[in-house]
């Protein structure tokens, strides 16, 4: 006697894979203060030079500073100390402006993972350090904790007063490792952990 057959089953289609999680790039600073300073200085210099040129065209004598500058540039040699100092200042200012133009800034923001391309999020570095400090203080035997959050590394210095330092170190490494992964950062920082007795360097 054949066994009763159950109702035919339909093959289930495989579940759609969730969208790939993408990393959020660093946030660019608007650079308002350097832009305003440079714009004001250029505007003031250009306006003063334009006024002096217009005055000369109107048959008035040039300003004393422009005559003195022209005389100095004509008399001083290229290896003069003041010429080299002025050139060094100009080069340093130019390099500073280039660095401001090509770097994103906002080092206090840590980019987070984003499930959708149109969503961007970041975690404040001080908030991340505070969260890690609170998680570390929950570990038994930890008396005090100092956390310094960098872009690529989390420096944690803890003090333990009664437990074995190796046990505290192991518990802290496990707890802080889970906490760092729970932050949801695009590039989780590496953990640098030191545990010491109060009054001693780790």
N, C-alpha and C. Protein backbone atom coordinates (compact mmCIF):
# COMPACT_ATOMS: atom_id res chain seq x y z
N UNK A 1 0.86 -1.19 0.00
CA UNK A 1 0.00 0.00 0.00
C UNK A 1 0.88 1.23 0.00
N UNK A 2 0.64 2.06 -0.95
CA UNK A 2 1.50 3.25 -1.09
C UNK A 2 1.13 4.28 -0.06
N UNK A 3 2.13 5.03 0.38
CA UNK A 3 1.91 6.08 1.37
C UNK A 3 1.21 7.26 0.71
N UNK A 4 0.32 7.93 1.46
CA UNK A 4 -0.39 9.09 0.87
C UNK A 4 0.59 10.21 0.58
N UNK A 5 0.39 10.80 -0.55
CA UNK A 5 1.23 11.90 -0.97
C UNK A 5 0.63 13.22 -0.49
N UNK A 6 1.47 14.09 0.01
CA UNK A 6 1.00 15.39 0.45
C UNK A 6 0.76 16.30 -0.73
N UNK A 7 0.25 17.46 -0.48
CA UNK A 7 -0.01 18.42 -1.56
C UNK A 7 1.29 18.84 -2.21
N UNK A 8 1.26 19.04 -3.48
CA UNK A 8 2.50 19.43 -4.17
C UNK A 8 3.02 20.76 -3.62
N UNK A 9 4.30 20.80 -3.46
CA UNK A 9 4.95 22.02 -2.95
C UNK A 9 5.54 22.80 -4.10
N UNK A 10 5.48 24.09 -3.96
CA UNK A 10 6.04 24.97 -4.97
C UNK A 10 7.44 25.36 -4.56
N UNK A 11 8.31 25.36 -5.52
CA UNK A 11 9.68 25.78 -5.24
C UNK A 11 9.69 27.26 -4.92
N UNK A 12 10.30 27.60 -3.78
CA UNK A 12 10.38 29.00 -3.37
C UNK A 12 11.49 29.69 -4.11
N UNK A 13 11.19 30.86 -4.60
CA UNK A 13 12.23 31.64 -5.27
C UNK A 13 13.21 32.14 -4.23
N UNK A 14 14.49 32.18 -4.54
CA UNK A 14 15.47 32.67 -3.58
C UNK A 14 15.22 34.13 -3.22
N UNK A 15 15.40 34.41 -1.95
CA UNK A 15 15.16 35.78 -1.48
C UNK A 15 16.15 36.73 -2.12
N UNK A 16 15.66 37.90 -2.43
CA UNK A 16 16.54 38.89 -3.05
C UNK A 16 17.60 39.33 -2.06
N UNK A 17 18.81 39.43 -2.55
CA UNK A 17 19.91 39.84 -1.68
C UNK A 17 19.76 41.30 -1.31
N UNK A 18 20.08 41.64 -0.07
CA UNK A 18 19.97 43.05 0.32
C UNK A 18 20.96 43.90 -0.44
N UNK A 19 20.63 45.14 -0.63
CA UNK A 19 21.56 46.00 -1.37
C UNK A 19 22.91 46.06 -0.69
N UNK A 20 23.93 46.14 -1.49
CA UNK A 20 25.28 46.16 -0.94
C UNK A 20 25.48 47.41 -0.10
N UNK A 21 26.09 47.21 1.04
CA UNK A 21 26.37 48.33 1.92
C UNK A 21 27.59 49.06 1.40
N UNK A 22 27.48 50.34 1.31
CA UNK A 22 28.55 51.14 0.76
C UNK A 22 29.14 52.05 1.83
N UNK A 23 30.37 52.40 1.61
CA UNK A 23 31.03 53.30 2.54
C UNK A 23 30.78 54.75 2.18
N UNK A 24 30.52 55.55 3.18
CA UNK A 24 30.31 56.98 2.97
C UNK A 24 31.65 57.69 2.95
N UNK A 25 31.91 58.44 1.90
CA UNK A 25 33.17 59.16 1.81
C UNK A 25 33.25 60.27 2.84
N UNK A 26 34.43 60.79 3.01
CA UNK A 26 34.63 61.85 4.00
C UNK A 26 33.86 63.10 3.59
N UNK A 27 33.45 63.84 4.59
CA UNK A 27 32.67 65.05 4.36
C UNK A 27 33.62 66.22 4.12
N UNK A 28 33.33 66.99 3.08
CA UNK A 28 34.19 68.12 2.73
C UNK A 28 33.77 69.36 3.49
N UNK A 29 34.75 70.08 3.98
CA UNK A 29 34.50 71.31 4.70
C UNK A 29 34.23 72.44 3.71
N UNK A 30 33.30 73.35 4.04
CA UNK A 30 33.05 74.47 3.13
C UNK A 30 34.20 75.47 3.07
N UNK A 31 35.12 75.42 4.05
CA UNK A 31 36.29 76.32 4.06
C UNK A 31 35.87 77.78 4.00
N UNK A 32 34.88 78.16 4.77
CA UNK A 32 34.38 79.53 4.69
C UNK A 32 35.41 80.55 5.17
N UNK A 33 36.03 80.28 6.31
CA UNK A 33 36.96 81.26 6.88
C UNK A 33 38.15 81.50 5.97
N UNK A 34 38.88 80.45 5.50
CA UNK A 34 40.00 80.74 4.58
C UNK A 34 39.55 81.42 3.30
N UNK A 35 38.38 81.02 2.78
CA UNK A 35 37.90 81.64 1.55
C UNK A 35 37.60 83.12 1.76
N UNK A 36 36.98 83.45 2.87
CA UNK A 36 36.65 84.86 3.15
C UNK A 36 37.93 85.67 3.35
N UNK A 37 38.90 85.12 4.09
CA UNK A 37 40.14 85.85 4.34
C UNK A 37 40.88 86.12 3.04
N UNK A 38 41.02 85.08 2.21
CA UNK A 38 41.73 85.26 0.93
C UNK A 38 40.98 86.24 0.03
N UNK A 39 39.66 86.12 -0.03
CA UNK A 39 38.88 87.02 -0.89
C UNK A 39 39.00 88.47 -0.43
N UNK A 40 38.95 88.70 0.89
CA UNK A 40 39.06 90.07 1.40
C UNK A 40 40.44 90.65 1.12
N UNK A 41 41.49 89.85 1.33
CA UNK A 41 42.84 90.33 1.07
C UNK A 41 43.05 90.64 -0.41
N UNK A 42 42.59 89.75 -1.28
CA UNK A 42 42.74 90.00 -2.71
C UNK A 42 41.93 91.21 -3.15
N UNK A 43 40.72 91.35 -2.61
CA UNK A 43 39.89 92.50 -2.98
C UNK A 43 40.52 93.80 -2.51
N UNK A 44 41.05 93.81 -1.29
CA UNK A 44 41.68 95.02 -0.78
C UNK A 44 42.94 95.37 -1.56
N UNK A 45 43.77 94.37 -1.86
CA UNK A 45 44.99 94.62 -2.63
C UNK A 45 44.68 95.09 -4.05
N UNK A 46 43.71 94.42 -4.70
CA UNK A 46 43.36 94.82 -6.06
C UNK A 46 42.75 96.21 -6.09
N UNK A 47 41.90 96.52 -5.11
CA UNK A 47 41.30 97.85 -5.08
C UNK A 47 42.33 98.94 -4.85
N UNK A 48 43.29 98.69 -3.95
CA UNK A 48 44.33 99.69 -3.69
C UNK A 48 45.22 99.89 -4.92
N UNK A 49 45.58 98.79 -5.56
CA UNK A 49 46.42 98.90 -6.76
C UNK A 49 45.67 99.60 -7.89
N UNK A 50 44.40 99.28 -8.06
CA UNK A 50 43.60 99.91 -9.10
C UNK A 50 43.45 101.42 -8.83
N UNK A 51 43.25 101.79 -7.59
CA UNK A 51 43.15 103.21 -7.24
C UNK A 51 44.45 103.94 -7.55
N UNK A 52 45.58 103.31 -7.23
CA UNK A 52 46.87 103.96 -7.48
C UNK A 52 47.13 104.11 -8.98
N UNK A 53 46.77 103.09 -9.76
CA UNK A 53 46.96 103.18 -11.22
C UNK A 53 46.07 104.28 -11.80
N UNK A 54 44.83 104.35 -11.32
CA UNK A 54 43.93 105.41 -11.81
C UNK A 54 44.46 106.78 -11.43
N UNK A 55 45.05 106.90 -10.23
CA UNK A 55 45.61 108.20 -9.82
C UNK A 55 46.79 108.60 -10.70
N UNK A 56 47.64 107.63 -11.06
CA UNK A 56 48.77 107.93 -11.94
C UNK A 56 48.26 108.34 -13.32
N UNK A 57 47.24 107.66 -13.82
CA UNK A 57 46.68 108.02 -15.12
C UNK A 57 46.09 109.42 -15.10
N UNK A 58 45.65 109.86 -13.95
CA UNK A 58 45.09 111.20 -13.82
C UNK A 58 46.17 112.23 -13.49
N UNK A 59 47.43 111.87 -13.73
CA UNK A 59 48.58 112.77 -13.56
C UNK A 59 48.82 113.13 -12.09
N UNK A 60 48.54 112.20 -11.21
CA UNK A 60 48.88 112.36 -9.82
C UNK A 60 50.07 111.45 -9.50
N UNK A 61 50.88 111.79 -8.54
CA UNK A 61 52.02 110.93 -8.21
C UNK A 61 51.56 109.61 -7.63
N UNK A 62 52.36 108.58 -7.91
CA UNK A 62 52.03 107.26 -7.37
C UNK A 62 52.21 107.27 -5.86
N UNK A 63 51.57 106.31 -5.21
CA UNK A 63 51.67 106.21 -3.77
C UNK A 63 53.10 105.90 -3.35
N UNK A 64 53.41 106.35 -2.15
CA UNK A 64 54.77 106.17 -1.67
C UNK A 64 55.15 104.70 -1.57
N UNK A 65 54.21 103.85 -1.14
CA UNK A 65 54.54 102.43 -0.95
C UNK A 65 54.88 101.76 -2.28
N UNK A 66 54.19 102.21 -3.38
CA UNK A 66 54.48 101.59 -4.67
C UNK A 66 55.81 102.06 -5.22
N UNK A 67 56.15 103.34 -5.00
CA UNK A 67 57.45 103.82 -5.43
C UNK A 67 58.57 103.15 -4.63
N UNK A 68 58.34 103.01 -3.32
CA UNK A 68 59.36 102.37 -2.49
C UNK A 68 59.52 100.89 -2.86
N UNK A 69 58.41 100.22 -3.14
CA UNK A 69 58.48 98.81 -3.52
C UNK A 69 59.20 98.63 -4.85
N UNK A 70 58.91 99.50 -5.81
CA UNK A 70 59.58 99.41 -7.10
C UNK A 70 61.08 99.67 -6.96
N UNK A 71 61.42 100.63 -6.11
CA UNK A 71 62.84 100.90 -5.90
C UNK A 71 63.55 99.74 -5.22
N UNK A 72 62.90 99.14 -4.24
CA UNK A 72 63.49 98.01 -3.53
C UNK A 72 63.67 96.81 -4.47
N UNK A 73 62.66 96.55 -5.30
CA UNK A 73 62.78 95.42 -6.23
C UNK A 73 63.87 95.66 -7.27
N UNK A 74 64.08 96.92 -7.61
CA UNK A 74 65.13 97.21 -8.60
C UNK A 74 66.53 97.16 -7.99
N UNK A 75 66.66 97.48 -6.71
CA UNK A 75 67.98 97.55 -6.09
C UNK A 75 68.41 96.25 -5.43
N UNK A 76 67.50 95.50 -4.89
CA UNK A 76 67.87 94.29 -4.15
C UNK A 76 68.19 93.13 -5.10
N UNK A 77 69.14 92.30 -4.69
CA UNK A 77 69.51 91.13 -5.45
C UNK A 77 68.56 89.97 -5.12
N UNK A 78 68.57 88.95 -5.97
CA UNK A 78 67.68 87.81 -5.75
C UNK A 78 68.05 87.01 -4.52
N UNK A 79 69.35 87.07 -4.12
CA UNK A 79 69.77 86.30 -2.94
C UNK A 79 69.67 87.13 -1.66
N UNK A 80 68.99 88.27 -1.70
CA UNK A 80 68.82 89.09 -0.52
C UNK A 80 67.91 88.38 0.48
N UNK A 81 68.14 88.61 1.76
CA UNK A 81 67.38 87.92 2.81
C UNK A 81 65.90 88.24 2.74
N UNK A 82 65.56 89.52 2.54
CA UNK A 82 64.16 89.91 2.50
C UNK A 82 63.46 89.35 1.27
N UNK A 83 64.16 89.28 0.15
CA UNK A 83 63.57 88.70 -1.06
C UNK A 83 63.29 87.21 -0.86
N UNK A 84 64.25 86.51 -0.26
CA UNK A 84 64.06 85.09 -0.01
C UNK A 84 62.95 84.85 1.01
N UNK A 85 62.89 85.72 2.04
CA UNK A 85 61.83 85.57 3.04
C UNK A 85 60.46 85.81 2.43
N UNK A 86 60.34 86.84 1.60
CA UNK A 86 59.06 87.10 0.94
C UNK A 86 58.65 85.97 0.02
N UNK A 87 59.63 85.42 -0.72
CA UNK A 87 59.32 84.30 -1.60
C UNK A 87 58.89 83.07 -0.79
N UNK A 88 59.56 82.85 0.35
CA UNK A 88 59.18 81.71 1.19
C UNK A 88 57.77 81.85 1.75
N UNK A 89 57.42 83.07 2.17
CA UNK A 89 56.07 83.30 2.68
C UNK A 89 55.03 83.08 1.58
N UNK A 90 55.32 83.56 0.37
CA UNK A 90 54.38 83.38 -0.74
C UNK A 90 54.21 81.90 -1.08
N UNK A 91 55.32 81.14 -1.08
CA UNK A 91 55.23 79.71 -1.38
C UNK A 91 54.44 78.98 -0.29
N UNK A 92 54.71 79.33 0.98
CA UNK A 92 53.99 78.67 2.07
C UNK A 92 52.49 78.97 2.01
N UNK A 93 52.15 80.23 1.69
CA UNK A 93 50.74 80.58 1.57
C UNK A 93 50.09 79.83 0.41
N UNK A 94 50.80 79.73 -0.72
CA UNK A 94 50.25 78.99 -1.86
C UNK A 94 50.05 77.52 -1.55
N UNK A 95 51.03 76.90 -0.88
CA UNK A 95 50.88 75.49 -0.51
C UNK A 95 49.72 75.29 0.46
N UNK A 96 49.57 76.24 1.38
CA UNK A 96 48.45 76.14 2.34
C UNK A 96 47.11 76.19 1.62
N UNK A 97 46.99 77.08 0.65
CA UNK A 97 45.74 77.19 -0.10
C UNK A 97 45.50 75.93 -0.93
N UNK A 98 46.56 75.36 -1.49
CA UNK A 98 46.40 74.12 -2.27
C UNK A 98 45.93 72.99 -1.38
N UNK A 99 46.54 72.88 -0.18
CA UNK A 99 46.13 71.83 0.76
C UNK A 99 44.66 71.99 1.15
N UNK A 100 44.24 73.23 1.40
CA UNK A 100 42.85 73.47 1.73
C UNK A 100 41.91 73.11 0.58
N UNK A 101 42.40 73.27 -0.64
CA UNK A 101 41.55 73.01 -1.80
C UNK A 101 41.40 71.52 -2.09
N UNK A 102 42.43 70.71 -1.81
CA UNK A 102 42.40 69.30 -2.22
C UNK A 102 42.11 68.35 -1.07
N UNK A 103 42.04 68.82 0.16
CA UNK A 103 41.73 67.94 1.29
C UNK A 103 40.31 68.20 1.77
N UNK A 104 39.63 67.14 2.25
CA UNK A 104 38.23 67.32 2.64
C UNK A 104 38.02 68.04 3.94
N UNK A 105 38.97 67.92 4.87
CA UNK A 105 38.77 68.54 6.17
C UNK A 105 37.76 67.79 7.02
N UNK A 106 37.20 68.47 8.02
CA UNK A 106 36.22 67.88 8.92
C UNK A 106 36.73 66.56 9.49
N UNK A 107 37.90 66.60 10.09
CA UNK A 107 38.49 65.40 10.65
C UNK A 107 37.74 64.92 11.89
N UNK A 108 36.87 65.75 12.43
CA UNK A 108 36.10 65.34 13.59
C UNK A 108 34.92 64.44 13.26
N UNK A 109 34.63 64.21 11.97
CA UNK A 109 33.51 63.36 11.56
C UNK A 109 34.04 62.05 11.00
N UNK A 110 33.51 60.94 11.50
CA UNK A 110 33.88 59.61 11.04
C UNK A 110 32.78 59.09 10.12
N UNK A 111 33.05 58.87 8.83
CA UNK A 111 32.00 58.38 7.91
C UNK A 111 31.48 57.01 8.34
N UNK A 112 30.17 56.81 8.14
CA UNK A 112 29.52 55.56 8.50
C UNK A 112 29.09 54.80 7.25
N UNK A 113 28.81 53.50 7.44
CA UNK A 113 28.25 52.71 6.34
C UNK A 113 26.89 53.27 5.95
N UNK A 114 26.56 53.12 4.69
CA UNK A 114 25.24 53.58 4.24
C UNK A 114 24.60 52.50 3.37
N UNK A 115 23.37 52.11 3.66
CA UNK A 115 22.72 51.06 2.88
C UNK A 115 22.24 51.55 1.52
N UNK A 116 22.10 52.85 1.35
CA UNK A 116 21.62 53.41 0.09
C UNK A 116 22.57 54.51 -0.37
N UNK A 117 22.83 54.61 -1.66
CA UNK A 117 23.78 55.62 -2.13
C UNK A 117 23.38 57.04 -1.80
N UNK A 118 22.07 57.31 -1.68
CA UNK A 118 21.65 58.68 -1.45
C UNK A 118 21.69 59.07 0.03
N UNK A 119 21.99 58.14 0.89
CA UNK A 119 22.02 58.40 2.33
C UNK A 119 23.47 58.48 2.79
N UNK A 120 23.79 59.56 3.47
CA UNK A 120 25.13 59.73 4.04
C UNK A 120 25.02 60.03 5.52
N UNK A 121 25.93 59.46 6.28
CA UNK A 121 25.89 59.66 7.73
C UNK A 121 27.31 59.67 8.25
N UNK A 122 27.48 60.34 9.37
CA UNK A 122 28.79 60.42 10.01
C UNK A 122 28.59 60.46 11.51
N UNK A 123 29.61 60.01 12.22
CA UNK A 123 29.59 59.98 13.69
C UNK A 123 30.67 60.91 14.20
N UNK A 124 30.29 61.78 15.13
CA UNK A 124 31.26 62.69 15.70
C UNK A 124 32.32 61.90 16.47
N UNK A 125 33.57 62.31 16.31
CA UNK A 125 34.66 61.57 16.92
C UNK A 125 34.59 61.60 18.45
N UNK A 126 34.20 62.72 19.02
CA UNK A 126 34.08 62.80 20.46
C UNK A 126 32.94 61.92 20.98
N UNK A 127 31.87 61.84 20.22
CA UNK A 127 30.76 60.96 20.63
C UNK A 127 31.18 59.50 20.60
N UNK A 128 31.95 59.12 19.57
CA UNK A 128 32.44 57.74 19.49
C UNK A 128 33.38 57.42 20.65
N UNK A 129 34.25 58.37 21.00
CA UNK A 129 35.15 58.16 22.13
C UNK A 129 34.37 58.04 23.43
N UNK A 130 33.33 58.84 23.61
CA UNK A 130 32.52 58.77 24.81
C UNK A 130 31.79 57.44 24.92
N UNK A 131 31.30 56.93 23.80
CA UNK A 131 30.62 55.64 23.82
C UNK A 131 31.59 54.52 24.19
N UNK A 132 32.79 54.54 23.62
CA UNK A 132 33.78 53.52 23.96
C UNK A 132 34.18 53.63 25.43
N UNK A 133 34.29 54.83 25.94
CA UNK A 133 34.65 54.99 27.36
C UNK A 133 33.56 54.41 28.27
N UNK A 134 32.30 54.67 27.93
CA UNK A 134 31.21 54.13 28.75
C UNK A 134 31.17 52.61 28.70
N UNK A 135 31.43 52.04 27.52
CA UNK A 135 31.45 50.58 27.41
C UNK A 135 32.61 49.99 28.20
N UNK A 136 33.75 50.67 28.19
CA UNK A 136 34.90 50.17 28.92
C UNK A 136 34.68 50.23 30.42
N UNK A 137 34.00 51.26 30.90
CA UNK A 137 33.74 51.38 32.33
C UNK A 137 32.78 50.32 32.84
N UNK A 138 32.03 49.69 31.94
CA UNK A 138 31.12 48.61 32.34
C UNK A 138 31.87 47.31 32.65
N UNK A 139 33.13 47.23 32.24
CA UNK A 139 33.90 46.01 32.48
C UNK A 139 34.33 45.98 33.94
N UNK A 140 34.18 44.83 34.56
CA UNK A 140 34.53 44.68 35.97
C UNK A 140 36.02 44.90 36.19
N UNK A 141 36.34 45.69 37.20
CA UNK A 141 37.73 45.95 37.55
C UNK A 141 38.31 47.20 36.94
N UNK A 142 37.61 47.82 36.02
CA UNK A 142 38.11 49.04 35.37
C UNK A 142 37.78 50.24 36.25
N UNK A 143 38.81 50.99 36.59
CA UNK A 143 38.62 52.15 37.47
C UNK A 143 38.43 53.43 36.67
N UNK A 144 39.26 53.66 35.67
CA UNK A 144 39.16 54.86 34.83
C UNK A 144 39.63 54.52 33.43
N UNK A 145 39.14 55.29 32.48
CA UNK A 145 39.44 55.05 31.07
C UNK A 145 39.65 56.38 30.37
N UNK A 146 40.64 56.42 29.52
CA UNK A 146 40.86 57.56 28.63
C UNK A 146 40.85 57.04 27.21
N UNK A 147 40.03 57.66 26.37
CA UNK A 147 39.89 57.23 24.98
C UNK A 147 40.21 58.40 24.07
N UNK A 148 41.08 58.16 23.13
CA UNK A 148 41.40 59.14 22.10
C UNK A 148 41.07 58.53 20.74
N UNK A 149 40.07 59.07 20.10
CA UNK A 149 39.57 58.52 18.84
C UNK A 149 40.24 59.21 17.68
N UNK A 150 40.93 58.44 16.86
CA UNK A 150 41.51 58.96 15.62
C UNK A 150 40.72 58.42 14.44
N UNK A 151 41.13 58.82 13.23
CA UNK A 151 40.42 58.33 12.05
C UNK A 151 40.67 56.85 11.82
N UNK A 152 41.85 56.37 12.12
CA UNK A 152 42.19 54.98 11.83
C UNK A 152 42.52 54.16 13.07
N UNK A 153 42.50 54.78 14.25
CA UNK A 153 42.88 54.05 15.46
C UNK A 153 42.17 54.63 16.67
N UNK A 154 41.80 53.75 17.58
CA UNK A 154 41.19 54.15 18.84
C UNK A 154 42.18 53.81 19.96
N UNK A 155 42.75 54.83 20.57
CA UNK A 155 43.71 54.64 21.66
C UNK A 155 42.95 54.64 22.98
N UNK A 156 43.03 53.52 23.69
CA UNK A 156 42.31 53.36 24.95
C UNK A 156 43.34 53.07 26.04
N UNK A 157 43.31 53.87 27.10
CA UNK A 157 44.19 53.69 28.26
C UNK A 157 43.31 53.49 29.48
N UNK A 158 43.39 52.31 30.09
CA UNK A 158 42.52 51.97 31.22
C UNK A 158 43.36 51.68 32.45
N UNK A 159 42.75 51.90 33.62
CA UNK A 159 43.36 51.59 34.90
C UNK A 159 42.48 50.59 35.64
N UNK A 160 43.11 49.55 36.16
CA UNK A 160 42.41 48.52 36.92
C UNK A 160 43.04 48.40 38.30
N UNK A 161 42.20 48.27 39.34
CA UNK A 161 42.74 48.34 40.69
C UNK A 161 42.71 47.02 41.45
N UNK A 162 41.92 46.01 41.01
CA UNK A 162 41.93 44.79 41.82
C UNK A 162 41.99 43.51 40.98
N UNK A 163 41.53 43.50 39.77
CA UNK A 163 41.57 42.28 38.96
C UNK A 163 42.93 42.11 38.31
N UNK A 164 43.17 40.90 37.82
CA UNK A 164 44.41 40.63 37.09
C UNK A 164 44.40 41.42 35.78
N UNK A 165 45.53 42.03 35.46
CA UNK A 165 45.58 42.91 34.29
C UNK A 165 45.33 42.15 33.00
N UNK A 166 45.80 40.93 32.90
CA UNK A 166 45.58 40.15 31.67
C UNK A 166 44.09 39.85 31.47
N UNK A 167 43.39 39.54 32.57
CA UNK A 167 41.95 39.28 32.46
C UNK A 167 41.20 40.55 32.07
N UNK A 168 41.58 41.66 32.67
CA UNK A 168 40.93 42.92 32.32
C UNK A 168 41.21 43.28 30.86
N UNK A 169 42.44 43.06 30.44
CA UNK A 169 42.79 43.37 29.04
C UNK A 169 41.98 42.53 28.08
N UNK A 170 41.81 41.24 28.39
CA UNK A 170 41.04 40.36 27.50
C UNK A 170 39.58 40.79 27.45
N UNK A 171 38.99 41.10 28.61
CA UNK A 171 37.59 41.52 28.64
C UNK A 171 37.41 42.86 27.91
N UNK A 172 38.34 43.78 28.11
CA UNK A 172 38.24 45.06 27.42
C UNK A 172 38.38 44.92 25.92
N UNK A 173 39.30 44.07 25.48
CA UNK A 173 39.48 43.87 24.04
C UNK A 173 38.22 43.31 23.41
N UNK A 174 37.57 42.37 24.10
CA UNK A 174 36.34 41.79 23.56
C UNK A 174 35.21 42.81 23.55
N UNK A 175 35.06 43.54 24.66
CA UNK A 175 33.96 44.51 24.76
C UNK A 175 34.14 45.67 23.78
N UNK A 176 35.35 46.21 23.73
CA UNK A 176 35.58 47.35 22.85
C UNK A 176 35.56 46.94 21.39
N UNK A 177 36.00 45.71 21.09
CA UNK A 177 35.90 45.24 19.71
C UNK A 177 34.47 45.19 19.23
N UNK A 178 33.58 44.67 20.09
CA UNK A 178 32.16 44.65 19.73
C UNK A 178 31.60 46.07 19.63
N UNK A 179 32.05 46.96 20.52
CA UNK A 179 31.56 48.34 20.49
C UNK A 179 31.99 49.05 19.21
N UNK A 180 33.23 48.83 18.78
CA UNK A 180 33.71 49.48 17.56
C UNK A 180 32.94 48.96 16.35
N UNK A 181 32.69 47.66 16.30
CA UNK A 181 31.90 47.13 15.19
C UNK A 181 30.48 47.65 15.23
N UNK A 182 29.96 47.91 16.43
CA UNK A 182 28.61 48.42 16.54
C UNK A 182 28.45 49.88 16.17
N UNK A 183 29.57 50.59 16.02
CA UNK A 183 29.48 51.99 15.63
C UNK A 183 29.00 52.16 14.19
N UNK A 184 29.19 51.14 13.38
CA UNK A 184 28.75 51.22 11.98
C UNK A 184 29.59 52.13 11.12
N UNK A 185 30.89 52.22 11.41
CA UNK A 185 31.76 53.10 10.64
C UNK A 185 32.16 52.44 9.33
N UNK A 186 32.38 53.27 8.32
CA UNK A 186 32.80 52.74 7.03
C UNK A 186 34.19 52.10 7.12
N UNK A 187 35.06 52.68 7.91
CA UNK A 187 36.39 52.13 8.14
C UNK A 187 36.61 52.02 9.64
N UNK A 188 36.24 50.89 10.23
CA UNK A 188 36.39 50.75 11.68
C UNK A 188 37.85 50.93 12.10
N UNK A 189 38.11 51.75 13.11
CA UNK A 189 39.49 51.96 13.53
C UNK A 189 40.04 50.74 14.26
N UNK A 190 41.34 50.58 14.19
CA UNK A 190 41.99 49.52 14.95
C UNK A 190 42.07 49.93 16.42
N UNK A 191 42.06 48.94 17.28
CA UNK A 191 42.04 49.18 18.72
C UNK A 191 43.46 49.09 19.28
N UNK A 192 43.88 50.16 19.95
CA UNK A 192 45.15 50.19 20.68
C UNK A 192 44.81 50.28 22.16
N UNK A 193 45.04 49.20 22.90
CA UNK A 193 44.58 49.09 24.28
C UNK A 193 45.75 48.86 25.23
N UNK A 194 45.76 49.62 26.31
CA UNK A 194 46.76 49.44 27.37
C UNK A 194 46.04 49.49 28.72
N UNK A 195 46.40 48.55 29.59
CA UNK A 195 45.81 48.47 30.92
C UNK A 195 46.94 48.52 31.93
N UNK A 196 46.78 49.33 32.95
CA UNK A 196 47.81 49.49 33.97
C UNK A 196 47.17 49.70 35.33
N UNK A 197 47.99 49.58 36.37
CA UNK A 197 47.54 49.90 37.71
C UNK A 197 47.49 51.42 37.89
N UNK A 198 46.68 51.91 38.81
CA UNK A 198 46.64 53.35 39.05
C UNK A 198 48.01 53.89 39.44
N UNK A 199 48.39 54.99 38.81
CA UNK A 199 49.67 55.61 39.11
C UNK A 199 50.83 55.06 38.32
N UNK A 200 50.59 54.08 37.42
CA UNK A 200 51.65 53.51 36.60
C UNK A 200 51.28 53.66 35.13
N UNK A 201 52.30 53.75 34.31
CA UNK A 201 52.09 53.84 32.87
C UNK A 201 51.88 52.45 32.31
N UNK A 202 50.95 52.36 31.31
CA UNK A 202 50.68 51.06 30.73
C UNK A 202 51.75 50.67 29.73
